[in-house]
Amino acid sequence: MVRAQCPADPCIVLVGATGALGATVLELIGEHRMRHREIRLVASAQSAGREIPVGGRTETVHDLEEFDFAGADLVLFCAGEAVSRRWVPVAMAEGALVVDASGAFSLHPEVPLVVPSVNDCLLSERPAEVVAVPSGMTVPLTVLLHAVERWRGVRQVVMSTYEAASGLGHQGVEELLEGSELTLRDPEAELPADRFHPALAFNVLPAVDGLQEDGTSREEQRLVQEAQRVLGLPDTDVAVTCVRVPVVSGHGAALFVETAAPVDRPGLVELLASLPDFVVHDREAPGSVPTPLTAGDPDRFHVGRVRVSPRTSRGFMLWLVFDNLRAGGASTLLRIARIALASRASGKRLKSSPC
């Protein structure tokens, strides 16, 4: 079944409604009063039957294995890759517009991978049946690089990320907190290490999401490939090291960008401050540093320690921090959903299905 258009007040289905990202999406739907005529919550059998308040009403969570996607206009996938690979085609078969945050389709050539304000024109050119949401770290990186490329050109990017436990959802946070409490009671205690290997409490893990044969982690591989695809610069030299740190929520990154032409700090700061949803903390006070605890607005990307390369001026360094569940996750997902819904209302369709 193919539905040519989505109504102004869509029926929304949220898959992964009880997870960390899904719960944040529900928060933002309520805060932003996103229009919908109905919202259906879906999760695994373990969560089925739970009741969750949504916009002044209480909604019951449905079992994904038994759920019928018929009648859904917009389906938001906030679960893992395995869930999306199995159930995205089912939702599409019912004519729904799918927005997937799992990464399962982020490199599929027929699926638009969209960052608002960078390449959302893809959706106005070819409204899609399924749209992929990049990883949270890809979003601010590509917004920044897109602007710098037009301003001074980008030759090379070197990035180290410092990613919070909430990147692995509620279970990641629970394991960090449990391990921290155990360590404080007994420094020699054996710590839980089901989600993080080794344990994350009072530790730093120099890889995120498993290692490939070449020593690159899956998170590093995804970040590089997504950034190159979103920017349309497949040959850009991007080197990334992804690190997991014992922080409950809030990702950070140290970034070096080599530019084609010299840059100056005042011009760079002005450029950064002009980016959508960016806050430059050391604009008036050089050296001011945002942190996950002190950055402020959770729906924006926070920048500090802006420095220009002292020898050649053909490059700069900065520190970036943001709420990975809100700014890097749910807020981006909902913005993409709004753009995709508006584009689909034109009645244009992709000619082929990616699934």
Protein backbone atom coordinates (compact mmCIF):
# COMPACT_ATOMS: atom_id res chain seq x y z
CA MET A 1 0.00 0.00 0.00
CA VAL A 2 1.35 3.46 -0.94
CA ARG A 3 -0.09 6.60 0.61
CA ALA A 4 0.76 9.66 -1.52
CA GLN A 5 0.42 12.25 1.23
CA CYS A 6 0.51 12.56 5.01
CA PRO A 7 -2.23 14.55 6.76
CA ALA A 8 -1.46 17.74 8.66
CA ASP A 9 -2.21 15.90 11.93
CA PRO A 10 -0.56 12.52 11.39
CA CYS A 11 -0.98 9.29 13.27
CA ILE A 12 2.47 8.80 14.82
CA VAL A 13 3.93 5.46 15.85
CA LEU A 14 7.01 5.50 18.10
CA VAL A 15 9.01 2.26 18.11
CA GLY A 16 11.33 2.04 21.10
CA ALA A 17 9.08 4.25 23.19
CA THR A 18 10.48 3.08 26.54
CA GLY A 19 14.14 3.51 25.63
CA ALA A 20 16.25 6.55 26.46
CA LEU A 21 15.92 8.13 23.01
CA GLY A 22 12.24 7.23 22.66
CA ALA A 23 11.42 8.74 26.05
CA THR A 24 13.24 11.94 25.04
CA VAL A 25 11.29 12.08 21.77
CA LEU A 26 8.06 11.90 23.78
CA GLU A 27 9.27 14.73 26.01
CA LEU A 28 9.93 16.95 23.02
CA ILE A 29 6.66 16.08 21.29
CA GLY A 30 4.93 17.34 24.43
CA GLU A 31 7.16 20.39 24.90
CA HIS A 32 6.95 21.48 21.27
CA ARG A 33 3.29 20.48 20.94
CA MET A 34 3.99 18.62 17.73
CA ARG A 35 0.68 18.22 15.94
CA HIS A 36 -0.78 14.73 15.68
CA ARG A 37 -4.21 13.16 15.82
CA GLU A 38 -2.99 10.00 17.52
CA ILE A 39 0.23 8.58 18.92
CA ARG A 40 0.89 4.88 19.42
CA LEU A 41 3.74 3.64 21.58
CA VAL A 42 5.52 0.41 20.70
CA ALA A 43 8.32 -1.51 22.43
CA SER A 44 9.48 -5.04 23.19
CA ALA A 45 7.27 -7.56 24.95
CA GLN A 46 8.96 -6.79 28.29
CA SER A 47 7.61 -3.23 28.18
CA ALA A 48 4.18 -4.01 26.69
CA GLY A 49 1.31 -2.87 28.87
CA ARG A 50 3.17 -0.01 30.50
CA GLU A 51 1.31 3.28 30.63
CA ILE A 52 3.14 6.47 29.74
CA PRO A 53 1.81 10.05 29.97
CA VAL A 54 1.93 11.87 26.62
CA GLY A 55 0.63 15.42 26.30
CA GLY A 56 -1.88 15.19 29.12
CA ARG A 57 -3.06 11.71 28.17
CA THR A 58 -1.94 8.23 29.15
CA GLU A 59 -0.89 5.88 26.36
CA THR A 60 -0.40 2.13 26.67
CA VAL A 61 2.74 0.55 25.21
CA HIS A 62 2.07 -2.10 22.56
CA ASP A 63 4.12 -5.25 21.92
CA LEU A 64 6.11 -4.80 18.70
CA GLU A 65 5.72 -8.45 17.74
CA GLU A 66 1.93 -8.10 17.71
CA PHE A 67 1.62 -4.51 16.50
CA ASP A 68 -0.28 -3.58 13.32
CA PHE A 69 1.22 -0.58 11.48
CA ALA A 70 -1.92 -0.12 9.38
CA GLY A 71 -3.13 3.50 9.47
CA ALA A 72 0.19 4.94 10.63
CA ASP A 73 1.30 8.07 8.80
CA LEU A 74 4.67 8.60 10.49
CA VAL A 75 6.75 5.88 12.20
CA LEU A 76 9.74 6.91 14.29
CA PHE A 77 12.25 4.12 14.94
CA CYS A 78 14.27 4.71 18.11
CA ALA A 79 15.37 1.13 18.77
CA GLY A 80 18.44 -0.81 17.59
CA GLU A 81 19.59 -1.75 14.10
CA ALA A 82 18.18 -5.29 14.27
CA VAL A 83 14.72 -3.94 15.11
CA SER A 84 14.84 -1.44 12.25
CA ARG A 85 16.07 -3.95 9.68
CA ARG A 86 13.16 -6.24 10.48
CA TRP A 87 10.32 -3.78 11.03
CA VAL A 88 11.04 -0.76 8.80
CA PRO A 89 9.97 -2.70 5.68
CA VAL A 90 6.76 -3.72 7.48
CA ALA A 91 5.91 -0.10 8.31
CA MET A 92 6.74 1.00 4.77
CA ALA A 93 4.49 -1.69 3.32
CA GLU A 94 1.58 -0.03 5.13
CA GLY A 95 2.33 3.27 3.44
CA ALA A 96 3.91 5.03 6.41
CA LEU A 97 6.70 7.56 6.24
CA VAL A 98 9.59 6.15 8.30
CA VAL A 99 12.28 8.13 10.11
CA ASP A 100 14.96 5.78 11.43
CA ALA A 101 17.55 6.71 14.07
CA SER A 102 19.19 3.29 14.41
CA GLY A 103 21.88 3.65 11.75
CA ALA A 104 20.61 0.57 9.91
CA PHE A 105 20.04 2.50 6.66
CA SER A 106 22.41 5.46 7.05
CA LEU A 107 24.68 4.28 4.22
CA HIS A 108 22.01 2.78 1.96
CA PRO A 109 22.29 4.58 -1.40
CA GLU A 110 18.51 4.87 -1.81
CA VAL A 111 17.87 6.27 1.68
CA PRO A 112 18.42 9.99 2.30
CA LEU A 113 20.73 10.63 5.26
CA VAL A 114 19.69 14.09 6.41
CA VAL A 115 21.08 16.80 8.67
CA PRO A 116 18.76 19.83 8.87
CA SER A 117 20.34 23.02 7.47
CA VAL A 118 23.01 21.00 5.66
CA ASN A 119 21.31 18.71 3.13
CA ASP A 120 17.58 18.65 3.92
CA CYS A 121 17.09 19.86 0.33
CA LEU A 122 17.33 16.15 -0.55
CA LEU A 123 13.81 15.72 0.78
CA SER A 124 12.34 18.59 -1.21
CA GLU A 125 13.98 17.20 -4.35
CA ARG A 126 12.85 13.61 -3.77
CA PRO A 127 10.43 13.12 -0.87
CA ALA A 128 11.26 9.73 0.60
CA GLU A 129 9.52 6.72 2.11
CA VAL A 130 12.26 6.29 4.70
CA VAL A 131 14.77 8.84 6.00
CA ALA A 132 17.88 8.00 8.03
CA VAL A 133 18.94 10.08 11.03
CA PRO A 134 22.73 10.35 11.50
CA SER A 135 24.44 9.60 14.80
CA GLY A 136 24.28 12.41 17.33
CA MET A 137 27.94 13.32 16.83
CA THR A 138 27.55 13.52 13.05
CA VAL A 139 24.98 16.31 13.33
CA PRO A 140 27.06 19.16 14.86
CA LEU A 141 30.18 18.00 13.02
CA THR A 142 28.55 18.29 9.60
CA VAL A 143 26.78 21.57 10.38
CA LEU A 144 30.15 23.05 11.37
CA LEU A 145 32.16 21.56 8.48
CA HIS A 146 29.53 22.56 5.93
CA ALA A 147 29.94 26.20 6.96
CA VAL A 148 33.75 26.06 7.13
CA GLU A 149 33.98 24.40 3.70
CA ARG A 150 32.11 27.31 2.14
CA TRP A 151 34.10 29.87 4.16
CA ARG A 152 37.72 28.71 3.95
CA GLY A 153 37.64 25.13 2.64
CA VAL A 154 38.33 21.93 4.57
CA ARG A 155 41.46 19.85 3.98
CA GLN A 156 41.58 17.56 7.00
CA VAL A 157 39.59 16.83 10.14
CA VAL A 158 40.91 15.19 13.31
CA MET A 159 38.37 14.51 16.05
CA SER A 160 38.33 12.78 19.42
CA THR A 161 34.93 12.16 20.98
CA TYR A 162 34.09 11.66 24.66
CA GLU A 163 30.76 9.85 24.73
CA ALA A 164 28.45 9.39 27.70
CA ALA A 165 26.91 6.19 29.04
CA SER A 166 23.45 7.28 27.85
CA GLY A 167 24.66 6.58 24.33
CA LEU A 168 23.75 2.98 25.19
CA GLY A 169 20.39 3.95 26.65
CA HIS A 170 18.91 3.29 30.08
CA GLN A 171 20.90 0.09 30.53
CA GLY A 172 24.18 1.89 29.92
CA VAL A 173 23.35 4.53 32.52
CA GLU A 174 22.20 1.94 35.05
CA GLU A 175 25.39 -0.07 34.64
CA LEU A 176 27.57 3.03 35.11
CA LEU A 177 25.68 4.09 38.25
CA GLU A 178 25.70 0.58 39.71
CA GLY A 179 29.43 0.21 39.05
CA SER A 180 30.19 3.63 40.54
CA GLU A 181 28.24 2.84 43.70
CA LEU A 182 29.97 -0.53 44.09
CA THR A 183 33.40 1.03 43.63
CA LEU A 184 32.73 3.69 46.24
CA ARG A 185 31.75 0.99 48.73
CA ASP A 186 34.56 -1.39 47.80
CA PRO A 187 37.36 -0.34 45.41
CA GLU A 188 38.19 -4.05 44.87
CA ALA A 189 34.63 -5.08 43.97
CA GLU A 190 33.94 -6.89 40.72
CA LEU A 191 31.98 -4.44 38.57
CA PRO A 192 29.15 -5.16 36.10
CA ALA A 193 30.40 -5.19 32.51
CA ASP A 194 27.46 -6.36 30.42
CA ARG A 195 27.09 -3.15 28.40
CA PHE A 196 30.64 -1.83 28.66
CA HIS A 197 33.77 -3.96 28.32
CA PRO A 198 35.64 -3.47 30.58
CA ALA A 199 33.52 -1.71 33.20
CA LEU A 200 33.02 2.03 32.63
CA ALA A 201 32.79 3.21 36.25
CA PHE A 202 35.83 5.39 37.09
CA ASN A 203 37.32 4.33 33.76
CA VAL A 204 37.80 5.52 30.18
CA LEU A 205 37.22 3.15 27.25
CA PRO A 206 39.17 4.03 24.08
CA ALA A 207 36.65 2.43 21.71
CA VAL A 208 32.90 2.74 21.21
CA ASP A 209 30.75 -0.05 19.76
CA GLY A 210 33.25 -2.80 19.00
CA LEU A 211 36.41 -2.96 16.91
CA GLN A 212 36.80 -3.91 13.25
CA GLU A 213 39.67 -6.01 11.89
CA ASP A 214 41.64 -2.85 11.03
CA GLY A 215 41.34 -1.55 14.60
CA THR A 216 38.66 1.03 13.77
CA SER A 217 35.58 0.98 15.97
CA ARG A 218 32.09 0.75 14.46
CA GLU A 219 31.25 4.16 15.91
CA GLU A 220 34.32 5.72 14.28
CA GLN A 221 33.52 4.08 10.97
CA ARG A 222 29.92 5.25 11.07
CA LEU A 223 30.85 8.82 11.99
CA VAL A 224 33.38 9.15 9.18
CA GLN A 225 31.16 7.60 6.53
CA GLU A 226 28.08 9.56 7.58
CA ALA A 227 29.98 12.87 7.63
CA GLN A 228 31.43 12.29 4.18
CA ARG A 229 28.02 11.31 2.81
CA VAL A 230 26.07 14.20 4.35
CA LEU A 231 28.65 16.74 3.18
CA GLY A 232 28.95 15.20 -0.27
CA LEU A 233 32.73 15.11 0.20
CA PRO A 234 33.69 11.42 0.00
CA ASP A 235 37.42 12.18 -0.26
CA THR A 236 37.65 14.47 2.76
CA ASP A 237 40.30 13.21 5.19
CA VAL A 238 38.45 12.60 8.49
CA ALA A 239 40.28 10.86 11.34
CA VAL A 240 38.25 10.01 14.45
CA THR A 241 38.90 8.36 17.80
CA CYS A 242 35.73 7.63 19.79
CA VAL A 243 36.10 7.29 23.56
CA ARG A 244 33.51 6.29 26.17
CA VAL A 245 33.74 8.26 29.42
CA PRO A 246 32.02 7.74 32.81
CA VAL A 247 29.48 10.56 32.31
CA VAL A 248 25.76 9.85 32.59
CA SER A 249 24.67 12.08 29.71
CA GLY A 250 26.28 14.62 27.42
CA HIS A 251 28.79 13.96 24.64
CA GLY A 252 31.94 15.99 24.12
CA ALA A 253 34.48 16.27 21.30
CA ALA A 254 37.87 17.88 20.67
CA LEU A 255 38.11 18.95 17.03
CA PHE A 256 40.96 20.08 14.77
CA VAL A 257 40.16 21.30 11.26
CA GLU A 258 42.87 22.09 8.71
CA THR A 259 41.57 24.69 6.27
CA ALA A 260 42.53 25.52 2.69
CA ALA A 261 42.87 29.24 3.45
CA PRO A 262 43.98 31.07 6.60
CA VAL A 263 41.42 31.76 9.30
CA ASP A 264 41.28 34.40 12.02
CA ARG A 265 39.75 33.89 15.44
CA PRO A 266 37.23 36.79 15.29
CA GLY A 267 35.95 35.62 11.91
CA LEU A 268 35.82 32.00 13.07
CA VAL A 269 33.91 32.89 16.23
CA GLU A 270 31.40 34.91 14.21
CA LEU A 271 30.94 31.98 11.83
CA LEU A 272 30.37 29.52 14.69
CA ALA A 273 27.91 31.87 16.40
CA SER A 274 25.91 32.11 13.17
CA LEU A 275 25.36 28.35 12.93
CA PRO A 276 21.84 27.13 13.73
CA ASP A 277 21.52 25.84 17.31
CA PHE A 278 25.15 26.65 18.19
CA VAL A 279 26.26 28.63 21.24
CA VAL A 280 29.84 29.94 21.41
CA HIS A 281 30.80 30.22 25.07
CA ASP A 282 34.10 32.03 24.68
CA ARG A 283 32.87 34.67 22.26
CA GLU A 284 33.37 37.45 24.79
CA ALA A 285 35.54 35.51 27.24
CA PRO A 286 38.20 33.46 25.41
CA GLY A 287 38.86 30.20 27.21
CA SER A 288 35.33 29.75 28.56
CA VAL A 289 34.58 26.03 28.50
CA PRO A 290 31.12 24.41 28.39
CA THR A 291 30.76 20.99 30.03
CA PRO A 292 27.94 18.42 30.15
CA LEU A 293 26.97 19.77 33.59
CA THR A 294 27.29 23.49 32.87
CA ALA A 295 26.62 24.01 29.15
CA GLY A 296 23.01 25.12 29.53
CA ASP A 297 20.31 24.77 26.85
CA PRO A 298 20.05 21.00 26.15
CA ASP A 299 18.66 21.60 22.67
CA ARG A 300 21.74 23.41 21.39
CA PHE A 301 25.37 22.59 20.59
CA HIS A 302 27.90 24.33 22.82
CA VAL A 303 31.39 25.39 21.71
CA GLY A 304 34.37 26.70 23.65
CA ARG A 305 38.18 26.88 23.61
CA VAL A 306 38.23 28.22 20.06
CA ARG A 307 41.86 28.50 18.93
CA VAL A 308 43.48 29.24 15.58
CA SER A 309 46.57 27.27 14.59
CA PRO A 310 49.43 29.58 15.66
CA ARG A 311 52.00 28.82 12.93
CA THR A 312 50.09 28.94 9.66
CA SER A 313 46.54 30.06 10.62
CA ARG A 314 45.36 27.35 8.21
CA GLY A 315 43.41 25.50 10.83
CA PHE A 316 41.66 25.75 14.16
CA MET A 317 40.81 23.78 17.29
CA LEU A 318 37.73 23.81 19.48
CA TRP A 319 35.79 21.95 22.15
CA LEU A 320 32.20 20.82 21.53
CA VAL A 321 29.65 19.50 24.02
CA PHE A 322 25.94 18.73 23.76
CA ASP A 323 23.08 16.69 25.20
CA ASN A 324 23.25 13.54 23.10
CA LEU A 325 19.65 12.52 23.78
CA ARG A 326 18.08 15.92 23.03
CA ALA A 327 20.18 18.08 20.68
CA GLY A 328 22.01 15.20 19.04
CA GLY A 329 19.09 12.77 19.05
CA ALA A 330 15.43 13.56 19.61
CA SER A 331 15.46 17.18 18.47
CA THR A 332 17.22 16.30 15.22
CA LEU A 333 14.90 13.35 14.60
CA LEU A 334 11.76 15.46 15.03
CA ARG A 335 13.09 18.25 12.82
CA ILE A 336 13.80 15.70 10.09
CA ALA A 337 10.32 14.23 10.55
CA ARG A 338 8.70 17.66 10.11
CA ILE A 339 10.69 18.36 6.94
CA ALA A 340 9.96 14.90 5.53
CA LEU A 341 6.24 15.22 6.28
CA ALA A 342 6.08 18.59 4.54
CA SER A 343 7.97 17.23 1.54
CA ARG A 344 5.80 14.16 1.30
CA ALA A 345 2.71 16.36 1.21
CA SER A 346 3.80 17.39 -2.29
CA GLY A 347 2.88 13.89 -3.45
CA LYS A 348 6.28 13.15 -5.00
CA ARG A 349 7.80 9.78 -4.23
CA LEU A 350 11.03 7.87 -4.55
CA LYS A 351 10.76 5.39 -7.40
CA SER A 352 12.25 2.44 -5.57
CA SER A 353 12.14 1.01 -2.07
CA PRO A 354 15.45 0.64 -0.13
CA CYS A 355 14.27 -2.44 1.70
